């Protein structure tokens, strides 16, 4: 079963997956744009060195303040998406 986020939330959008390092940089920038910094965010070295087609991205650890910021951002995004789906 595929992750709904990976399927573009089921609305027919296709997901373009950038190279791993580029994806990490884009994720860092997107999080920074909404005020969230994950200090340990990076490419997982074990899967990057393996033959896996899609290496893992380590989101890492963060303090509770950053976790609260991330929760708020995700909830706002979910609320906006819900409104967009209703219109």
PDB file of N, CA and C in Angstrom:
ATOM      1  N   UNK A   1       0.845  -1.182   0.000  1.00  0.00           N
ATOM      2  CA  UNK A   1       0.000   0.000   0.000  1.00  0.00           C
ATOM      3  C   UNK A   1       0.884   1.237   0.000  1.00  0.00           C
ATOM      4  N   UNK A   2       0.568   2.185  -0.852  1.00  0.00           N
ATOM      5  CA  UNK A   2       1.367   3.403  -0.938  1.00  0.00           C
ATOM      6  C   UNK A   2       0.893   4.436   0.070  1.00  0.00           C
ATOM      7  N   UNK A   3       1.815   5.250   0.510  1.00  0.00           N
ATOM      8  CA  UNK A   3       1.535   6.357   1.396  1.00  0.00           C
ATOM      9  C   UNK A   3       0.724   7.404   0.645  1.00  0.00           C
ATOM     10  N   UNK A   4      -0.355   7.917   1.266  1.00  0.00           N
ATOM     11  CA  UNK A   4      -1.201   8.922   0.610  1.00  0.00           C
ATOM     12  C   UNK A   4      -0.414  10.165   0.224  1.00  0.00           C
ATOM     13  N   UNK A   5       0.539  10.559   1.060  1.00  0.00           N
ATOM     14  CA  UNK A   5       1.356  11.735   0.735  1.00  0.00           C
ATOM     15  C   UNK A   5       2.177  11.485  -0.514  1.00  0.00           C
ATOM     16  N   UNK A   6       2.683  10.273  -0.652  1.00  0.00           N
ATOM     17  CA  UNK A   6       3.492   9.936  -1.820  1.00  0.00           C
ATOM     18  C   UNK A   6       2.647   9.869  -3.080  1.00  0.00           C
ATOM     19  N   UNK A   7       1.348   9.701  -2.925  1.00  0.00           N
ATOM     20  CA  UNK A   7       0.465   9.640  -4.080  1.00  0.00           C
ATOM     21  C   UNK A   7      -0.169  10.989  -4.369  1.00  0.00           C
ATOM     22  N   UNK A   8       0.318  12.049  -3.752  1.00  0.00           N
ATOM     23  CA  UNK A   8      -0.240  13.370  -3.996  1.00  0.00           C
ATOM     24  C   UNK A   8      -1.607  13.539  -3.371  1.00  0.00           C
ATOM     25  N   UNK A   9      -1.823  12.899  -2.245  1.00  0.00           N
ATOM     26  CA  UNK A   9      -3.063  12.992  -1.485  1.00  0.00           C
ATOM     27  C   UNK A   9      -4.266  12.514  -2.288  1.00  0.00           C
ATOM     28  N   UNK A  10      -4.037  11.634  -3.260  1.00  0.00           N
ATOM     29  CA  UNK A  10      -5.127  11.010  -3.962  1.00  0.00           C
ATOM     30  C   UNK A  10      -5.847  11.904  -4.955  1.00  0.00           C
ATOM     31  N   UNK A  11      -5.235  12.995  -5.389  1.00  0.00           N
ATOM     32  CA  UNK A  11      -5.907  13.913  -6.304  1.00  0.00           C
ATOM     33  C   UNK A  11      -5.317  13.873  -7.704  1.00  0.00           C
ATOM     34  N   UNK A  12      -4.686  12.780  -8.050  1.00  0.00           N
ATOM     35  CA  UNK A  12      -4.171  12.651  -9.400  1.00  0.00           C
ATOM     36  C   UNK A  12      -2.861  13.377  -9.669  1.00  0.00           C
ATOM     37  N   UNK A  13      -2.273  13.974  -8.653  1.00  0.00           N
ATOM     38  CA  UNK A  13      -0.981  14.649  -8.853  1.00  0.00           C
ATOM     39  C   UNK A  13       0.126  13.610  -8.805  1.00  0.00           C
ATOM     40  N   UNK A  14       1.056  13.723  -9.731  1.00  0.00           N
ATOM     41  CA  UNK A  14       2.183  12.799  -9.689  1.00  0.00           C
ATOM     42  C   UNK A  14       3.300  13.420  -8.865  1.00  0.00           C
ATOM     43  N   UNK A  15       4.041  12.572  -8.199  1.00  0.00           N
ATOM     44  CA  UNK A  15       5.120  13.018  -7.329  1.00  0.00           C
ATOM     45  C   UNK A  15       6.435  12.926  -8.075  1.00  0.00           C
ATOM     46  N   UNK A  16       7.156  14.025  -8.124  1.00  0.00           N
ATOM     47  CA  UNK A  16       8.480  14.032  -8.733  1.00  0.00           C
ATOM     48  C   UNK A  16       9.482  13.901  -7.593  1.00  0.00           C
ATOM     49  N   UNK A  17      10.261  12.837  -7.628  1.00  0.00           N
ATOM     50  CA  UNK A  17      11.215  12.576  -6.555  1.00  0.00           C
ATOM     51  C   UNK A  17      12.598  13.024  -7.004  1.00  0.00           C
ATOM     52  N   UNK A  18      13.134  14.065  -6.351  1.00  0.00           N
ATOM     53  CA  UNK A  18      14.484  14.540  -6.712  1.00  0.00           C
ATOM     54  C   UNK A  18      15.550  13.602  -6.157  1.00  0.00           C
ATOM     55  N   UNK A  19      16.798  13.750  -6.609  1.00  0.00           N
ATOM     56  CA  UNK A  19      17.895  12.982  -6.008  1.00  0.00           C
ATOM     57  C   UNK A  19      17.921  13.226  -4.495  1.00  0.00           C
ATOM     58  N   UNK A  20      18.425  12.267  -3.753  1.00  0.00           N
ATOM     59  CA  UNK A  20      18.352  12.307  -2.293  1.00  0.00           C
ATOM     60  C   UNK A  20      18.932  13.588  -1.691  1.00  0.00           C
ATOM     61  N   UNK A  21      20.145  13.960  -2.086  1.00  0.00           N
ATOM     62  CA  UNK A  21      20.768  15.159  -1.510  1.00  0.00           C
ATOM     63  C   UNK A  21      19.947  16.404  -1.825  1.00  0.00           C
ATOM     64  N   UNK A  22      19.422  16.471  -3.046  1.00  0.00           N
ATOM     65  CA  UNK A  22      18.584  17.606  -3.435  1.00  0.00           C
ATOM     66  C   UNK A  22      17.287  17.617  -2.631  1.00  0.00           C
ATOM     67  N   UNK A  23      16.721  16.442  -2.400  1.00  0.00           N
ATOM     68  CA  UNK A  23      15.492  16.349  -1.606  1.00  0.00           C
ATOM     69  C   UNK A  23      15.723  16.853  -0.189  1.00  0.00           C
ATOM     70  N   UNK A  24      16.861  16.492   0.389  1.00  0.00           N
ATOM     71  CA  UNK A  24      17.189  16.949   1.741  1.00  0.00           C
ATOM     72  C   UNK A  24      17.316  18.472   1.764  1.00  0.00           C
ATOM     73  N   UNK A  25      18.006  19.035   0.791  1.00  0.00           N
ATOM     74  CA  UNK A  25      18.168  20.497   0.741  1.00  0.00           C
ATOM     75  C   UNK A  25      16.825  21.197   0.534  1.00  0.00           C
ATOM     76  N   UNK A  26      15.978  20.636  -0.320  1.00  0.00           N
ATOM     77  CA  UNK A  26      14.649  21.223  -0.542  1.00  0.00           C
ATOM     78  C   UNK A  26      13.802  21.135   0.725  1.00  0.00           C
ATOM     79  N   UNK A  27      13.886  20.002   1.431  1.00  0.00           N
ATOM     80  CA  UNK A  27      13.141  19.842   2.672  1.00  0.00           C
ATOM     81  C   UNK A  27      13.636  20.819   3.731  1.00  0.00           C
ATOM     82  N   UNK A  28      14.963  20.967   3.846  1.00  0.00           N
ATOM     83  CA  UNK A  28      15.517  21.942   4.794  1.00  0.00           C
ATOM     84  C   UNK A  28      15.009  23.339   4.484  1.00  0.00           C
ATOM     85  N   UNK A  29      15.026  23.711   3.211  1.00  0.00           N
ATOM     86  CA  UNK A  29      14.576  25.048   2.810  1.00  0.00           C
ATOM     87  C   UNK A  29      13.089  25.234   3.081  1.00  0.00           C
ATOM     88  N   UNK A  30      12.285  24.229   2.761  1.00  0.00           N
ATOM     89  CA  UNK A  30      10.838  24.331   2.983  1.00  0.00           C
ATOM     90  C   UNK A  30      10.519  24.451   4.469  1.00  0.00           C
ATOM     91  N   UNK A  31      11.210  23.667   5.282  1.00  0.00           N
ATOM     92  CA  UNK A  31      11.000  23.758   6.725  1.00  0.00           C
ATOM     93  C   UNK A  31      11.476  25.103   7.260  1.00  0.00           C
ATOM     94  N   UNK A  32      12.619  25.564   6.781  1.00  0.00           N
ATOM     95  CA  UNK A  32      13.148  26.869   7.209  1.00  0.00           C
ATOM     96  C   UNK A  32      12.160  27.988   6.852  1.00  0.00           C
ATOM     97  N   UNK A  33      11.511  27.868   5.680  1.00  0.00           N
ATOM     98  CA  UNK A  33      10.544  28.884   5.240  1.00  0.00           C
ATOM     99  C   UNK A  33       9.352  29.010   6.182  1.00  0.00           C
ATOM    100  N   UNK A  34       9.042  27.931   6.908  1.00  0.00           N
ATOM    101  CA  UNK A  34       7.928  27.988   7.856  1.00  0.00           C
ATOM    102  C   UNK A  34       8.418  28.033   9.299  1.00  0.00           C
ATOM    103  N   UNK A  35       9.712  28.306   9.476  1.00  0.00           N
ATOM    104  CA  UNK A  35      10.265  28.516  10.803  1.00  0.00           C
ATOM    105  C   UNK A  35      10.652  27.263  11.563  1.00  0.00           C
ATOM    106  N   UNK A  36      10.832  26.145  10.872  1.00  0.00           N
ATOM    107  CA  UNK A  36      11.193  24.890  11.539  1.00  0.00           C
ATOM    108  C   UNK A  36      12.593  24.476  11.100  1.00  0.00           C
ATOM    109  N   UNK A  37      13.463  24.234  12.072  1.00  0.00           N
ATOM    110  CA  UNK A  37      14.819  23.767  11.800  1.00  0.00           C
ATOM    111  C   UNK A  37      14.985  22.403  12.467  1.00  0.00           C
ATOM    112  N   UNK A  38      15.276  21.385  11.652  1.00  0.00           N
ATOM    113  CA  UNK A  38      15.592  20.057  12.180  1.00  0.00           C
ATOM    114  C   UNK A  38      17.106  19.896  12.071  1.00  0.00           C
ATOM    115  N   UNK A  39      17.827  20.051  13.188  1.00  0.00           N
ATOM    116  CA  UNK A  39      19.283  20.082  13.134  1.00  0.00           C
ATOM    117  C   UNK A  39      19.931  18.799  12.636  1.00  0.00           C
ATOM    118  N   UNK A  40      19.273  17.673  12.776  1.00  0.00           N
ATOM    119  CA  UNK A  40      19.872  16.402  12.360  1.00  0.00           C
ATOM    120  C   UNK A  40      19.400  15.931  10.990  1.00  0.00           C
ATOM    121  N   UNK A  41      18.656  16.746  10.284  1.00  0.00           N
ATOM    122  CA  UNK A  41      18.123  16.374   8.979  1.00  0.00           C
ATOM    123  C   UNK A  41      19.262  16.103   8.006  1.00  0.00           C
ATOM    124  N   UNK A  42      19.209  14.957   7.348  1.00  0.00           N
ATOM    125  CA  UNK A  42      20.262  14.620   6.397  1.00  0.00           C
ATOM    126  C   UNK A  42      19.983  13.293   5.707  1.00  0.00           C
ATOM    127  N   UNK A  43      20.882  12.916   4.841  1.00  0.00           N
ATOM    128  CA  UNK A  43      20.788  11.643   4.129  1.00  0.00           C
ATOM    129  C   UNK A  43      21.282  10.535   5.052  1.00  0.00           C
ATOM    130  N   UNK A  44      20.549   9.443   5.120  1.00  0.00           N
ATOM    131  CA  UNK A  44      20.967   8.289   5.912  1.00  0.00           C
ATOM    132  C   UNK A  44      22.178   7.656   5.238  1.00  0.00           C
ATOM    133  N   UNK A  45      23.330   7.642   5.903  1.00  0.00           N
ATOM    134  CA  UNK A  45      24.547   7.156   5.246  1.00  0.00           C
ATOM    135  C   UNK A  45      24.522   5.672   4.890  1.00  0.00           C
ATOM    136  N   UNK A  46      23.827   4.860   5.675  1.00  0.00           N
ATOM    137  CA  UNK A  46      23.803   3.421   5.407  1.00  0.00           C
ATOM    138  C   UNK A  46      23.026   3.135   4.124  1.00  0.00           C
ATOM    139  N   UNK A  47      21.824   3.699   4.003  1.00  0.00           N
ATOM    140  CA  UNK A  47      21.036   3.426   2.800  1.00  0.00           C
ATOM    141  C   UNK A  47      21.589   4.163   1.589  1.00  0.00           C
ATOM    142  N   UNK A  48      22.249   5.294   1.800  1.00  0.00           N
ATOM    143  CA  UNK A  48      22.862   6.022   0.679  1.00  0.00           C
ATOM    144  C   UNK A  48      24.015   5.216   0.086  1.00  0.00           C
ATOM    145  N   UNK A  49      24.716   4.468   0.937  1.00  0.00           N
ATOM    146  CA  UNK A  49      25.850   3.668   0.472  1.00  0.00           C
ATOM    147  C   UNK A  49      25.415   2.311  -0.080  1.00  0.00           C
ATOM    148  N   UNK A  50      24.150   1.978   0.114  1.00  0.00           N
ATOM    149  CA  UNK A  50      23.662   0.684  -0.358  1.00  0.00           C
ATOM    150  C   UNK A  50      23.149   0.803  -1.788  1.00  0.00           C
ATOM    151  N   UNK A  51      22.565  -0.259  -2.261  1.00  0.00           N
ATOM    152  CA  UNK A  51      22.020  -0.269  -3.615  1.00  0.00           C
ATOM    153  C   UNK A  51      20.527   0.016  -3.621  1.00  0.00           C
ATOM    154  N   UNK A  52      20.006   0.583  -2.545  1.00  0.00           N
ATOM    155  CA  UNK A  52      18.582   0.917  -2.486  1.00  0.00           C
ATOM    156  C   UNK A  52      18.281   2.001  -3.514  1.00  0.00           C
ATOM    157  N   UNK A  53      17.180   1.877  -4.243  1.00  0.00           N
ATOM    158  CA  UNK A  53      16.852   2.904  -5.237  1.00  0.00           C
ATOM    159  C   UNK A  53      16.453   4.236  -4.598  1.00  0.00           C
ATOM    160  N   UNK A  54      15.896   4.184  -3.406  1.00  0.00           N
ATOM    161  CA  UNK A  54      15.469   5.395  -2.704  1.00  0.00           C
ATOM    162  C   UNK A  54      16.067   5.414  -1.306  1.00  0.00           C
ATOM    163  N   UNK A  55      17.278   5.989  -1.141  1.00  0.00           N
ATOM    164  CA  UNK A  55      17.879   6.069   0.190  1.00  0.00           C
ATOM    165  C   UNK A  55      16.965   6.815   1.154  1.00  0.00           C
ATOM    166  N   UNK A  56      17.117   6.525   2.419  1.00  0.00           N
ATOM    167  CA  UNK A  56      16.295   7.162   3.435  1.00  0.00           C
ATOM    168  C   UNK A  56      16.810   8.554   3.778  1.00  0.00           C
ATOM    169  N   UNK A  57      15.891   9.404   4.185  1.00  0.00           N
ATOM    170  CA  UNK A  57      16.220  10.725   4.693  1.00  0.00           C
ATOM    171  C   UNK A  57      16.022  10.673   6.200  1.00  0.00           C
ATOM    172  N   UNK A  58      17.067  11.013   6.946  1.00  0.00           N
ATOM    173  CA  UNK A  58      16.966  11.055   8.401  1.00  0.00           C
ATOM    174  C   UNK A  58      16.373  12.391   8.813  1.00  0.00           C
ATOM    175  N   UNK A  59      15.224  12.340   9.457  1.00  0.00           N
ATOM    176  CA  UNK A  59      14.647  13.571   9.970  1.00  0.00           C
ATOM    177  C   UNK A  59      15.323  13.965  11.270  1.00  0.00           C
ATOM    178  N   UNK A  60      15.863  12.990  11.956  1.00  0.00           N
ATOM    179  CA  UNK A  60      16.663  13.267  13.144  1.00  0.00           C
ATOM    180  C   UNK A  60      15.848  13.587  14.374  1.00  0.00           C
ATOM    181  N   UNK A  61      16.545  14.101  15.345  1.00  0.00           N
ATOM    182  CA  UNK A  61      15.935  14.435  16.634  1.00  0.00           C
ATOM    183  C   UNK A  61      15.775  15.938  16.731  1.00  0.00           C
ATOM    184  N   UNK A  62      14.801  16.346  17.542  1.00  0.00           N
ATOM    185  CA  UNK A  62      14.613  17.775  17.788  1.00  0.00           C
ATOM    186  C   UNK A  62      14.059  17.942  19.196  1.00  0.00           C
ATOM    187  N   UNK A  63      14.164  19.167  19.702  1.00  0.00           N
ATOM    188  CA  UNK A  63      13.627  19.409  21.036  1.00  0.00           C
ATOM    189  C   UNK A  63      12.108  19.597  20.955  1.00  0.00           C
ATOM    190  N   UNK A  64      11.483  19.652  22.099  1.00  0.00           N
ATOM    191  CA  UNK A  64      10.024  19.719  22.142  1.00  0.00           C
ATOM    192  C   UNK A  64       9.490  21.022  21.531  1.00  0.00           C
ATOM    193  N   UNK A  65      10.246  22.100  21.615  1.00  0.00           N
ATOM    194  CA  UNK A  65       9.811  23.364  21.008  1.00  0.00           C
ATOM    195  C   UNK A  65       9.732  23.228  19.481  1.00  0.00           C
ATOM    196  N   UNK A  66      10.737  22.618  18.886  1.00  0.00           N
ATOM    197  CA  UNK A  66      10.735  22.406  17.437  1.00  0.00           C
ATOM    198  C   UNK A  66       9.611  21.432  17.054  1.00  0.00           C
ATOM    199  N   UNK A  67       9.396  20.408  17.877  1.00  0.00           N
ATOM    200  CA  UNK A  67       8.294  19.471  17.617  1.00  0.00           C
ATOM    201  C   UNK A  67       6.961  20.208  17.620  1.00  0.00           C
ATOM    202  N   UNK A  68       6.774  21.119  18.549  1.00  0.00           N
ATOM    203  CA  UNK A  68       5.532  21.899  18.613  1.00  0.00           C
ATOM    204  C   UNK A  68       5.386  22.792  17.375  1.00  0.00           C
ATOM    205  N   UNK A  69       6.491  23.383  16.921  1.00  0.00           N
ATOM    206  CA  UNK A  69       6.444  24.198  15.699  1.00  0.00           C
ATOM    207  C   UNK A  69       6.051  23.347  14.496  1.00  0.00           C
ATOM    208  N   UNK A  70       6.620  22.169  14.411  1.00  0.00           N
ATOM    209  CA  UNK A  70       6.324  21.264  13.306  1.00  0.00           C
ATOM    210  C   UNK A  70       4.861  20.821  13.351  1.00  0.00           C
ATOM    211  N   UNK A  71       4.351  20.519  14.518  1.00  0.00           N
ATOM    212  CA  UNK A  71       2.938  20.151  14.676  1.00  0.00           C
ATOM    213  C   UNK A  71       2.048  21.286  14.174  1.00  0.00           C
ATOM    214  N   UNK A  72       2.353  22.511  14.578  1.00  0.00           N
ATOM    215  CA  UNK A  72       1.539  23.658  14.173  1.00  0.00           C
ATOM    216  C   UNK A  72       1.557  23.850  12.660  1.00  0.00           C
ATOM    217  N   UNK A  73       2.717  23.741  12.059  1.00  0.00           N
ATOM    218  CA  UNK A  73       2.846  23.915  10.611  1.00  0.00           C
ATOM    219  C   UNK A  73       2.062  22.834   9.872  1.00  0.00           C
ATOM    220  N   UNK A  74       2.190  21.600  10.300  1.00  0.00           N
ATOM    221  CA  UNK A  74       1.485  20.503   9.644  1.00  0.00           C
ATOM    222  C   UNK A  74      -0.032  20.644   9.801  1.00  0.00           C
ATOM    223  N   UNK A  75      -0.477  21.067  10.964  1.00  0.00           N
ATOM    224  CA  UNK A  75      -1.920  21.261  11.162  1.00  0.00           C
ATOM    225  C   UNK A  75      -2.448  22.390  10.293  1.00  0.00           C
ATOM    226  N   UNK A  76      -1.689  23.490  10.176  1.00  0.00           N
ATOM    227  CA  UNK A  76      -2.118  24.595   9.294  1.00  0.00           C
ATOM    228  C   UNK A  76      -2.195  24.119   7.849  1.00  0.00           C
ATOM    229  N   UNK A  77      -1.200  23.367   7.418  1.00  0.00           N
ATOM    230  CA  UNK A  77      -1.185  22.859   6.045  1.00  0.00           C
ATOM    231  C   UNK A  77      -2.357  21.916   5.804  1.00  0.00           C
ATOM    232  N   UNK A  78      -2.661  21.063   6.763  1.00  0.00           N
ATOM    233  CA  UNK A  78      -3.788  20.142   6.625  1.00  0.00           C
ATOM    234  C   UNK A  78      -5.111  20.905   6.555  1.00  0.00           C
ATOM    235  N   UNK A  79      -5.224  21.976   7.341  1.00  0.00           N
ATOM    236  CA  UNK A  79      -6.447  22.775   7.331  1.00  0.00           C
ATOM    237  C   UNK A  79      -6.620  23.464   5.984  1.00  0.00           C
ATOM    238  N   UNK A  80      -5.551  24.002   5.423  1.00  0.00           N
ATOM    239  CA  UNK A  80      -5.614  24.664   4.120  1.00  0.00           C
ATOM    240  C   UNK A  80      -5.984  23.653   3.057  1.00  0.00           C
ATOM    241  N   UNK A  81      -5.398  22.481   3.114  1.00  0.00           N
ATOM    242  CA  UNK A  81      -5.690  21.438   2.119  1.00  0.00           C
ATOM    243  C   UNK A  81      -7.148  21.008   2.200  1.00  0.00           C
ATOM    244  N   UNK A  82      -7.682  20.905   3.417  1.00  0.00           N
ATOM    245  CA  UNK A  82      -9.086  20.528   3.599  1.00  0.00           C
ATOM    246  C   UNK A  82     -10.003  21.578   2.968  1.00  0.00           C
ATOM    247  N   UNK A  83      -9.698  22.836   3.191  1.00  0.00           N
ATOM    248  CA  UNK A  83     -10.495  23.922   2.608  1.00  0.00           C
ATOM    249  C   UNK A  83     -10.419  23.868   1.085  1.00  0.00           C
ATOM    250  N   UNK A  84      -9.236  23.636   0.541  1.00  0.00           N
ATOM    251  CA  UNK A  84      -9.071  23.549  -0.913  1.00  0.00           C
ATOM    252  C   UNK A  84      -9.856  22.385  -1.490  1.00  0.00           C
ATOM    253  N   UNK A  85      -9.911  21.270  -0.781  1.00  0.00           N
ATOM    254  CA  UNK A  85     -10.649  20.104  -1.263  1.00  0.00           C
ATOM    255  C   UNK A  85     -12.149  20.370  -1.275  1.00  0.00           C
ATOM    256  N   UNK A  86     -12.614  21.187  -0.336  1.00  0.00           N
ATOM    257  CA  UNK A  86     -14.042  21.481  -0.251  1.00  0.00           C
ATOM    258  C   UNK A  86     -14.499  22.476  -1.306  1.00  0.00           C
ATOM    259  N   UNK A  87     -13.563  23.246  -1.887  1.00  0.00           N
ATOM    260  CA  UNK A  87     -13.955  24.233  -2.886  1.00  0.00           C
ATOM    261  C   UNK A  87     -13.833  23.699  -4.291  1.00  0.00           C
TER     262      UNK A  87
END
